[in-house]
Amino acid sequence: MNIEKIVERSEKMLKELKTERDDLKVQLHLLSMDAKEEWNELENQYQTFKAKASIVADVAEDSAGDVVEALKLVGEELHEGYKRIRGSM
């Protein structure tokens, strides 16, 4: 996979997660205490994901695939966490 596609995929994933996160943030006041605790944990993961996604372009092309796979796993965890929170509303 070339570096441009890797950067494109990570930017797309970040954009989708940001949209989902922003939608939930608006409704944060409706969350239960457990959901708020999960939200705080997900916020930490999101900030880490965001920081790592922004450096993908700087990673050597041969290791970029590994970075994208790691970002994909974290992105999926975030998506599932947001889904659980949405279900608790």
PDB file of N, CA and C in Angstrom:
ATOM      1  N   MET A   1       0.866  -1.183   0.000  1.00  0.00           N
ATOM      2  CA  MET A   1       0.000   0.000   0.000  1.00  0.00           C
ATOM      3  C   MET A   1       0.905   1.235   0.000  1.00  0.00           C
ATOM      4  N   ASN A   2       0.634   2.183  -0.906  1.00  0.00           N
ATOM      5  CA  ASN A   2       1.494   3.357  -0.947  1.00  0.00           C
ATOM      6  C   ASN A   2       1.092   4.362   0.133  1.00  0.00           C
ATOM      7  N   ILE A   3       1.994   5.257   0.415  1.00  0.00           N
ATOM      8  CA  ILE A   3       1.837   6.188   1.537  1.00  0.00           C
ATOM      9  C   ILE A   3       0.631   7.107   1.352  1.00  0.00           C
ATOM     10  N   GLU A   4       0.327   7.483   0.109  1.00  0.00           N
ATOM     11  CA  GLU A   4      -0.817   8.372  -0.129  1.00  0.00           C
ATOM     12  C   GLU A   4      -2.138   7.707   0.255  1.00  0.00           C
ATOM     13  N   LYS A   5      -2.258   6.420  -0.092  1.00  0.00           N
ATOM     14  CA  LYS A   5      -3.475   5.695   0.264  1.00  0.00           C
ATOM     15  C   LYS A   5      -3.574   5.510   1.776  1.00  0.00           C
ATOM     16  N   ILE A   6      -2.444   5.290   2.404  1.00  0.00           N
ATOM     17  CA  ILE A   6      -2.416   5.133   3.858  1.00  0.00           C
ATOM     18  C   ILE A   6      -2.872   6.416   4.535  1.00  0.00           C
ATOM     19  N   VAL A   7      -2.320   7.525   4.088  1.00  0.00           N
ATOM     20  CA  VAL A   7      -2.705   8.827   4.653  1.00  0.00           C
ATOM     21  C   VAL A   7      -4.181   9.086   4.398  1.00  0.00           C
ATOM     22  N   GLU A   8      -4.644   8.790   3.185  1.00  0.00           N
ATOM     23  CA  GLU A   8      -6.059   8.991   2.835  1.00  0.00           C
ATOM     24  C   GLU A   8      -6.975   8.163   3.747  1.00  0.00           C
ATOM     25  N   ARG A   9      -6.619   6.894   3.966  1.00  0.00           N
ATOM     26  CA  ARG A   9      -7.430   6.015   4.823  1.00  0.00           C
ATOM     27  C   ARG A   9      -7.459   6.512   6.269  1.00  0.00           C
ATOM     28  N   SER A  10      -6.302   6.935   6.771  1.00  0.00           N
ATOM     29  CA  SER A  10      -6.273   7.402   8.161  1.00  0.00           C
ATOM     30  C   SER A  10      -7.051   8.705   8.313  1.00  0.00           C
ATOM     31  N   GLU A  11      -6.970   9.587   7.336  1.00  0.00           N
ATOM     32  CA  GLU A  11      -7.733  10.844   7.387  1.00  0.00           C
ATOM     33  C   GLU A  11      -9.231  10.581   7.312  1.00  0.00           C
ATOM     34  N   LYS A  12      -9.635   9.619   6.480  1.00  0.00           N
ATOM     35  CA  LYS A  12     -11.052   9.272   6.360  1.00  0.00           C
ATOM     36  C   LYS A  12     -11.573   8.701   7.680  1.00  0.00           C
ATOM     37  N   MET A  13     -10.798   7.805   8.271  1.00  0.00           N
ATOM     38  CA  MET A  13     -11.199   7.198   9.533  1.00  0.00           C
ATOM     39  C   MET A  13     -11.300   8.259  10.631  1.00  0.00           C
ATOM     40  N   LEU A  14     -10.335   9.172  10.669  1.00  0.00           N
ATOM     41  CA  LEU A  14     -10.360  10.239  11.666  1.00  0.00           C
ATOM     42  C   LEU A  14     -11.584  11.126  11.476  1.00  0.00           C
ATOM     43  N   LYS A  15     -11.918  11.450  10.233  1.00  0.00           N
ATOM     44  CA  LYS A  15     -13.084  12.293   9.949  1.00  0.00           C
ATOM     45  C   LYS A  15     -14.374  11.615  10.406  1.00  0.00           C
ATOM     46  N   GLU A  16     -14.516  10.304  10.127  1.00  0.00           N
ATOM     47  CA  GLU A  16     -15.713   9.571  10.536  1.00  0.00           C
ATOM     48  C   GLU A  16     -15.833   9.510  12.059  1.00  0.00           C
ATOM     49  N   LEU A  17     -14.711   9.238  12.730  1.00  0.00           N
ATOM     50  CA  LEU A  17     -14.733   9.182  14.195  1.00  0.00           C
ATOM     51  C   LEU A  17     -15.037  10.553  14.791  1.00  0.00           C
ATOM     52  N   LYS A  18     -14.497  11.604  14.191  1.00  0.00           N
ATOM     53  CA  LYS A  18     -14.755  12.959  14.701  1.00  0.00           C
ATOM     54  C   LYS A  18     -16.239  13.292  14.595  1.00  0.00           C
ATOM     55  N   THR A  19     -16.856  12.931  13.479  1.00  0.00           N
ATOM     56  CA  THR A  19     -18.283  13.187  13.292  1.00  0.00           C
ATOM     57  C   THR A  19     -19.100  12.445  14.349  1.00  0.00           C
ATOM     58  N   GLU A  20     -18.785  11.166  14.522  1.00  0.00           N
ATOM     59  CA  GLU A  20     -19.502  10.364  15.503  1.00  0.00           C
ATOM     60  C   GLU A  20     -19.294  10.916  16.919  1.00  0.00           C
ATOM     61  N   ARG A  21     -18.064  11.277  17.221  1.00  0.00           N
ATOM     62  CA  ARG A  21     -17.722  11.843  18.526  1.00  0.00           C
ATOM     63  C   ARG A  21     -18.454  13.166  18.757  1.00  0.00           C
ATOM     64  N   ASP A  22     -18.450  14.038  17.767  1.00  0.00           N
ATOM     65  CA  ASP A  22     -19.104  15.341  17.901  1.00  0.00           C
ATOM     66  C   ASP A  22     -20.611  15.192  18.122  1.00  0.00           C
ATOM     67  N   ASP A  23     -21.235  14.236  17.418  1.00  0.00           N
ATOM     68  CA  ASP A  23     -22.665  13.988  17.603  1.00  0.00           C
ATOM     69  C   ASP A  23     -22.965  13.569  19.042  1.00  0.00           C
ATOM     70  N   LEU A  24     -22.148  12.679  19.568  1.00  0.00           N
ATOM     71  CA  LEU A  24     -22.361  12.214  20.950  1.00  0.00           C
ATOM     72  C   LEU A  24     -22.060  13.308  21.967  1.00  0.00           C
ATOM     73  N   LYS A  25     -21.055  14.114  21.683  1.00  0.00           N
ATOM     74  CA  LYS A  25     -20.671  15.181  22.616  1.00  0.00           C
ATOM     75  C   LYS A  25     -21.830  16.147  22.848  1.00  0.00           C
ATOM     76  N   VAL A  26     -22.601  16.405  21.795  1.00  0.00           N
ATOM     77  CA  VAL A  26     -23.757  17.296  21.910  1.00  0.00           C
ATOM     78  C   VAL A  26     -24.779  16.728  22.898  1.00  0.00           C
ATOM     79  N   GLN A  27     -24.889  15.399  22.951  1.00  0.00           N
ATOM     80  CA  GLN A  27     -25.887  14.735  23.786  1.00  0.00           C
ATOM     81  C   GLN A  27     -25.307  14.249  25.110  1.00  0.00           C
ATOM     82  N   LEU A  28     -24.124  14.689  25.464  1.00  0.00           N
ATOM     83  CA  LEU A  28     -23.416  14.207  26.644  1.00  0.00           C
ATOM     84  C   LEU A  28     -24.240  14.331  27.920  1.00  0.00           C
ATOM     85  N   HIS A  29     -25.051  15.346  28.029  1.00  0.00           N
ATOM     86  CA  HIS A  29     -25.834  15.559  29.242  1.00  0.00           C
ATOM     87  C   HIS A  29     -26.873  14.452  29.472  1.00  0.00           C
ATOM     88  N   LEU A  30     -27.183  13.668  28.443  1.00  0.00           N
ATOM     89  CA  LEU A  30     -28.174  12.606  28.563  1.00  0.00           C
ATOM     90  C   LEU A  30     -27.575  11.287  29.057  1.00  0.00           C
ATOM     91  N   LEU A  31     -26.274  11.230  29.160  1.00  0.00           N
ATOM     92  CA  LEU A  31     -25.615   9.971  29.479  1.00  0.00           C
ATOM     93  C   LEU A  31     -25.714   9.597  30.957  1.00  0.00           C
ATOM     94  N   SER A  32     -25.745   8.306  31.228  1.00  0.00           N
ATOM     95  CA  SER A  32     -25.686   7.813  32.593  1.00  0.00           C
ATOM     96  C   SER A  32     -24.253   7.959  33.101  1.00  0.00           C
ATOM     97  N   MET A  33     -24.050   7.741  34.397  1.00  0.00           N
ATOM     98  CA  MET A  33     -22.720   7.869  34.978  1.00  0.00           C
ATOM     99  C   MET A  33     -21.750   6.855  34.354  1.00  0.00           C
ATOM    100  N   ASP A  34     -22.193   5.617  34.158  1.00  0.00           N
ATOM    101  CA  ASP A  34     -21.333   4.603  33.536  1.00  0.00           C
ATOM    102  C   ASP A  34     -20.942   5.013  32.122  1.00  0.00           C
ATOM    103  N   ALA A  35     -21.904   5.527  31.385  1.00  0.00           N
ATOM    104  CA  ALA A  35     -21.630   5.960  30.019  1.00  0.00           C
ATOM    105  C   ALA A  35     -20.666   7.144  30.016  1.00  0.00           C
ATOM    106  N   LYS A  36     -20.781   8.028  30.990  1.00  0.00           N
ATOM    107  CA  LYS A  36     -19.863   9.168  31.075  1.00  0.00           C
ATOM    108  C   LYS A  36     -18.444   8.704  31.382  1.00  0.00           C
ATOM    109  N   GLU A  37     -18.308   7.681  32.222  1.00  0.00           N
ATOM    110  CA  GLU A  37     -16.986   7.134  32.507  1.00  0.00           C
ATOM    111  C   GLU A  37     -16.387   6.521  31.237  1.00  0.00           C
ATOM    112  N   GLU A  38     -17.220   5.791  30.499  1.00  0.00           N
ATOM    113  CA  GLU A  38     -16.734   5.202  29.252  1.00  0.00           C
ATOM    114  C   GLU A  38     -16.361   6.307  28.267  1.00  0.00           C
ATOM    115  N   TRP A  39     -17.156   7.363  28.243  1.00  0.00           N
ATOM    116  CA  TRP A  39     -16.858   8.499  27.357  1.00  0.00           C
ATOM    117  C   TRP A  39     -15.477   9.062  27.676  1.00  0.00           C
ATOM    118  N   ASN A  40     -15.175   9.232  28.957  1.00  0.00           N
ATOM    119  CA  ASN A  40     -13.876   9.781  29.343  1.00  0.00           C
ATOM    120  C   ASN A  40     -12.728   8.877  28.886  1.00  0.00           C
ATOM    121  N   GLU A  41     -12.907   7.565  29.001  1.00  0.00           N
ATOM    122  CA  GLU A  41     -11.890   6.633  28.524  1.00  0.00           C
ATOM    123  C   GLU A  41     -11.744   6.734  27.009  1.00  0.00           C
ATOM    124  N   LEU A  42     -12.876   6.823  26.316  1.00  0.00           N
ATOM    125  CA  LEU A  42     -12.837   6.936  24.859  1.00  0.00           C
ATOM    126  C   LEU A  42     -12.200   8.250  24.415  1.00  0.00           C
ATOM    127  N   GLU A  43     -12.397   9.299  25.173  1.00  0.00           N
ATOM    128  CA  GLU A  43     -11.785  10.592  24.849  1.00  0.00           C
ATOM    129  C   GLU A  43     -10.265  10.467  24.852  1.00  0.00           C
ATOM    130  N   ASN A  44      -9.733   9.762  25.854  1.00  0.00           N
ATOM    131  CA  ASN A  44      -8.286   9.561  25.905  1.00  0.00           C
ATOM    132  C   ASN A  44      -7.816   8.775  24.688  1.00  0.00           C
ATOM    133  N   GLN A  45      -8.546   7.722  24.334  1.00  0.00           N
ATOM    134  CA  GLN A  45      -8.199   6.922  23.154  1.00  0.00           C
ATOM    135  C   GLN A  45      -8.298   7.760  21.883  1.00  0.00           C
ATOM    136  N   TYR A  46      -9.333   8.599  21.797  1.00  0.00           N
ATOM    137  CA  TYR A  46      -9.524   9.424  20.605  1.00  0.00           C
ATOM    138  C   TYR A  46      -8.352  10.391  20.433  1.00  0.00           C
ATOM    139  N   GLN A  47      -7.927  11.015  21.517  1.00  0.00           N
ATOM    140  CA  GLN A  47      -6.817  11.969  21.436  1.00  0.00           C
ATOM    141  C   GLN A  47      -5.535  11.270  20.990  1.00  0.00           C
ATOM    142  N   THR A  48      -5.305  10.056  21.480  1.00  0.00           N
ATOM    143  CA  THR A  48      -4.141   9.274  21.066  1.00  0.00           C
ATOM    144  C   THR A  48      -4.244   8.909  19.591  1.00  0.00           C
ATOM    145  N   PHE A  49      -5.439   8.465  19.171  1.00  0.00           N
ATOM    146  CA  PHE A  49      -5.670   8.113  17.775  1.00  0.00           C
ATOM    147  C   PHE A  49      -5.406   9.318  16.879  1.00  0.00           C
ATOM    148  N   LYS A  50      -5.936  10.445  17.260  1.00  0.00           N
ATOM    149  CA  LYS A  50      -5.807  11.664  16.468  1.00  0.00           C
ATOM    150  C   LYS A  50      -4.328  12.045  16.306  1.00  0.00           C
ATOM    151  N   ALA A  51      -3.582  11.950  17.386  1.00  0.00           N
ATOM    152  CA  ALA A  51      -2.163  12.294  17.329  1.00  0.00           C
ATOM    153  C   ALA A  51      -1.393  11.326  16.425  1.00  0.00           C
ATOM    154  N   LYS A  52      -1.682  10.040  16.552  1.00  0.00           N
ATOM    155  CA  LYS A  52      -0.969   9.055  15.739  1.00  0.00           C
ATOM    156  C   LYS A  52      -1.381   9.144  14.272  1.00  0.00           C
ATOM    157  N   ALA A  53      -2.641   9.416  14.013  1.00  0.00           N
ATOM    158  CA  ALA A  53      -3.100   9.527  12.629  1.00  0.00           C
ATOM    159  C   ALA A  53      -2.415  10.687  11.920  1.00  0.00           C
ATOM    160  N   SER A  54      -2.093  11.728  12.660  1.00  0.00           N
ATOM    161  CA  SER A  54      -1.480  12.896  12.036  1.00  0.00           C
ATOM    162  C   SER A  54      -0.018  12.662  11.667  1.00  0.00           C
ATOM    163  N   ILE A  55       0.604  11.626  12.229  1.00  0.00           N
ATOM    164  CA  ILE A  55       2.009  11.381  11.888  1.00  0.00           C
ATOM    165  C   ILE A  55       2.200  10.241  10.900  1.00  0.00           C
ATOM    166  N   VAL A  56       1.105   9.664  10.425  1.00  0.00           N
ATOM    167  CA  VAL A  56       1.209   8.547   9.489  1.00  0.00           C
ATOM    168  C   VAL A  56       2.042   8.927   8.270  1.00  0.00           C
ATOM    169  N   ALA A  57       1.875  10.112   7.779  1.00  0.00           N
ATOM    170  CA  ALA A  57       2.603  10.538   6.575  1.00  0.00           C
ATOM    171  C   ALA A  57       4.108  10.580   6.809  1.00  0.00           C
ATOM    172  N   ASP A  58       4.516  10.715   8.062  1.00  0.00           N
ATOM    173  CA  ASP A  58       5.935  10.805   8.373  1.00  0.00           C
ATOM    174  C   ASP A  58       6.594   9.436   8.572  1.00  0.00           C
ATOM    175  N   VAL A  59       5.801   8.386   8.597  1.00  0.00           N
ATOM    176  CA  VAL A  59       6.321   7.043   8.831  1.00  0.00           C
ATOM    177  C   VAL A  59       6.869   6.474   7.531  1.00  0.00           C
ATOM    178  N   ALA A  60       7.937   5.760   7.625  1.00  0.00           N
ATOM    179  CA  ALA A  60       8.507   5.115   6.437  1.00  0.00           C
ATOM    180  C   ALA A  60       7.464   4.205   5.809  1.00  0.00           C
ATOM    181  N   GLU A  61       7.430   4.159   4.495  1.00  0.00           N
ATOM    182  CA  GLU A  61       6.389   3.414   3.774  1.00  0.00           C
ATOM    183  C   GLU A  61       6.361   1.941   4.153  1.00  0.00           C
ATOM    184  N   ASP A  62       7.510   1.332   4.441  1.00  0.00           N
ATOM    185  CA  ASP A  62       7.532  -0.088   4.765  1.00  0.00           C
ATOM    186  C   ASP A  62       6.885  -0.405   6.107  1.00  0.00           C
ATOM    187  N   SER A  63       6.864   0.532   7.028  1.00  0.00           N
ATOM    188  CA  SER A  63       6.218   0.284   8.321  1.00  0.00           C
ATOM    189  C   SER A  63       4.851   0.961   8.419  1.00  0.00           C
ATOM    190  N   ALA A  64       4.489   1.749   7.424  1.00  0.00           N
ATOM    191  CA  ALA A  64       3.222   2.473   7.460  1.00  0.00           C
ATOM    192  C   ALA A  64       2.033   1.531   7.513  1.00  0.00           C
ATOM    193  N   GLY A  65       2.118   0.387   6.847  1.00  0.00           N
ATOM    194  CA  GLY A  65       1.022  -0.586   6.866  1.00  0.00           C
ATOM    195  C   GLY A  65       0.738  -1.070   8.280  1.00  0.00           C
ATOM    196  N   ASP A  66       1.792  -1.290   9.068  1.00  0.00           N
ATOM    197  CA  ASP A  66       1.617  -1.706  10.458  1.00  0.00           C
ATOM    198  C   ASP A  66       0.940  -0.609  11.275  1.00  0.00           C
ATOM    199  N   VAL A  67       1.327   0.623  11.013  1.00  0.00           N
ATOM    200  CA  VAL A  67       0.732   1.750  11.726  1.00  0.00           C
ATOM    201  C   VAL A  67      -0.744   1.867  11.387  1.00  0.00           C
ATOM    202  N   VAL A  68      -1.073   1.708  10.117  1.00  0.00           N
ATOM    203  CA  VAL A  68      -2.473   1.798   9.694  1.00  0.00           C
ATOM    204  C   VAL A  68      -3.288   0.693  10.346  1.00  0.00           C
ATOM    205  N   GLU A  69      -2.757  -0.515  10.413  1.00  0.00           N
ATOM    206  CA  GLU A  69      -3.488  -1.616  11.054  1.00  0.00           C
ATOM    207  C   GLU A  69      -3.730  -1.311  12.527  1.00  0.00           C
ATOM    208  N   ALA A  70      -2.726  -0.755  13.202  1.00  0.00           N
ATOM    209  CA  ALA A  70      -2.892  -0.392  14.614  1.00  0.00           C
ATOM    210  C   ALA A  70      -3.936   0.704  14.761  1.00  0.00           C
ATOM    211  N   LEU A  71      -3.901   1.698  13.876  1.00  0.00           N
ATOM    212  CA  LEU A  71      -4.893   2.769  13.910  1.00  0.00           C
ATOM    213  C   LEU A  71      -6.286   2.219  13.626  1.00  0.00           C
ATOM    214  N   LYS A  72      -6.366   1.271  12.714  1.00  0.00           N
ATOM    215  CA  LYS A  72      -7.656   0.671  12.376  1.00  0.00           C
ATOM    216  C   LYS A  72      -8.253  -0.011  13.602  1.00  0.00           C
ATOM    217  N   LEU A  73      -7.435  -0.749  14.342  1.00  0.00           N
ATOM    218  CA  LEU A  73      -7.924  -1.422  15.549  1.00  0.00           C
ATOM    219  C   LEU A  73      -8.423  -0.416  16.587  1.00  0.00           C
ATOM    220  N   VAL A  74      -7.658   0.643  16.802  1.00  0.00           N
ATOM    221  CA  VAL A  74      -8.078   1.663  17.765  1.00  0.00           C
ATOM    222  C   VAL A  74      -9.334   2.353  17.271  1.00  0.00           C
ATOM    223  N   GLY A  75      -9.400   2.637  15.984  1.00  0.00           N
ATOM    224  CA  GLY A  75     -10.591   3.263  15.404  1.00  0.00           C
ATOM    225  C   GLY A  75     -11.824   2.402  15.585  1.00  0.00           C
ATOM    226  N   GLU A  76     -11.670   1.089  15.390  1.00  0.00           N
ATOM    227  CA  GLU A  76     -12.798   0.177  15.585  1.00  0.00           C
ATOM    228  C   GLU A  76     -13.230   0.144  17.051  1.00  0.00           C
ATOM    229  N   GLU A  77     -12.260   0.172  17.971  1.00  0.00           N
ATOM    230  CA  GLU A  77     -12.591   0.219  19.395  1.00  0.00           C
ATOM    231  C   GLU A  77     -13.365   1.487  19.735  1.00  0.00           C
ATOM    232  N   LEU A  78     -12.915   2.605  19.180  1.00  0.00           N
ATOM    233  CA  LEU A  78     -13.615   3.870  19.415  1.00  0.00           C
ATOM    234  C   LEU A  78     -15.034   3.809  18.859  1.00  0.00           C
ATOM    235  N   HIS A  79     -15.169   3.308  17.643  1.00  0.00           N
ATOM    236  CA  HIS A  79     -16.492   3.212  17.016  1.00  0.00           C
ATOM    237  C   HIS A  79     -17.422   2.356  17.872  1.00  0.00           C
ATOM    238  N   GLU A  80     -16.937   1.216  18.337  1.00  0.00           N
ATOM    239  CA  GLU A  80     -17.760   0.329  19.177  1.00  0.00           C
ATOM    240  C   GLU A  80     -18.107   1.000  20.505  1.00  0.00           C
ATOM    241  N   GLY A  81     -17.167   1.709  21.071  1.00  0.00           N
ATOM    242  CA  GLY A  81     -17.444   2.432  22.316  1.00  0.00           C
ATOM    243  C   GLY A  81     -18.497   3.504  22.120  1.00  0.00           C
ATOM    244  N   TYR A  82     -18.404   4.256  21.039  1.00  0.00           N
ATOM    245  CA  TYR A  82     -19.412   5.277  20.735  1.00  0.00           C
ATOM    246  C   TYR A  82     -20.770   4.630  20.520  1.00  0.00           C
ATOM    247  N   LYS A  83     -20.774   3.474  19.898  1.00  0.00           N
ATOM    248  CA  LYS A  83     -22.010   2.746  19.653  1.00  0.00           C
ATOM    249  C   LYS A  83     -22.649   2.324  20.981  1.00  0.00           C
ATOM    250  N   ARG A  84     -21.820   1.840  21.916  1.00  0.00           N
ATOM    251  CA  ARG A  84     -22.350   1.454  23.238  1.00  0.00           C
ATOM    252  C   ARG A  84     -22.943   2.660  23.965  1.00  0.00           C
ATOM    253  N   ILE A  85     -22.254   3.776  23.885  1.00  0.00           N
ATOM    254  CA  ILE A  85     -22.752   4.990  24.541  1.00  0.00           C
ATOM    255  C   ILE A  85     -24.071   5.423  23.918  1.00  0.00           C
ATOM    256  N   ARG A  86     -24.127   5.424  22.597  1.00  0.00           N
ATOM    257  CA  ARG A  86     -25.373   5.800  21.922  1.00  0.00           C
ATOM    258  C   ARG A  86     -26.512   4.894  22.350  1.00  0.00           C
ATOM    259  N   GLY A  87     -26.223   3.593  22.530  1.00  0.00           N
ATOM    260  CA  GLY A  87     -27.244   2.641  22.962  1.00  0.00           C
ATOM    261  C   GLY A  87     -27.712   2.860  24.390  1.00  0.00           C
ATOM    262  N   SER A  88     -26.905   3.523  25.200  1.00  0.00           N
ATOM    263  CA  SER A  88     -27.297   3.751  26.590  1.00  0.00           C
ATOM    264  C   SER A  88     -28.128   5.024  26.760  1.00  0.00           C
ATOM    265  N   MET A  89     -28.359   5.745  25.684  1.00  0.00           N
ATOM    266  CA  MET A  89     -29.122   6.993  25.774  1.00  0.00           C
ATOM    267  C   MET A  89     -30.601   6.715  25.762  1.00  0.00           C
TER     268      MET A  89
END
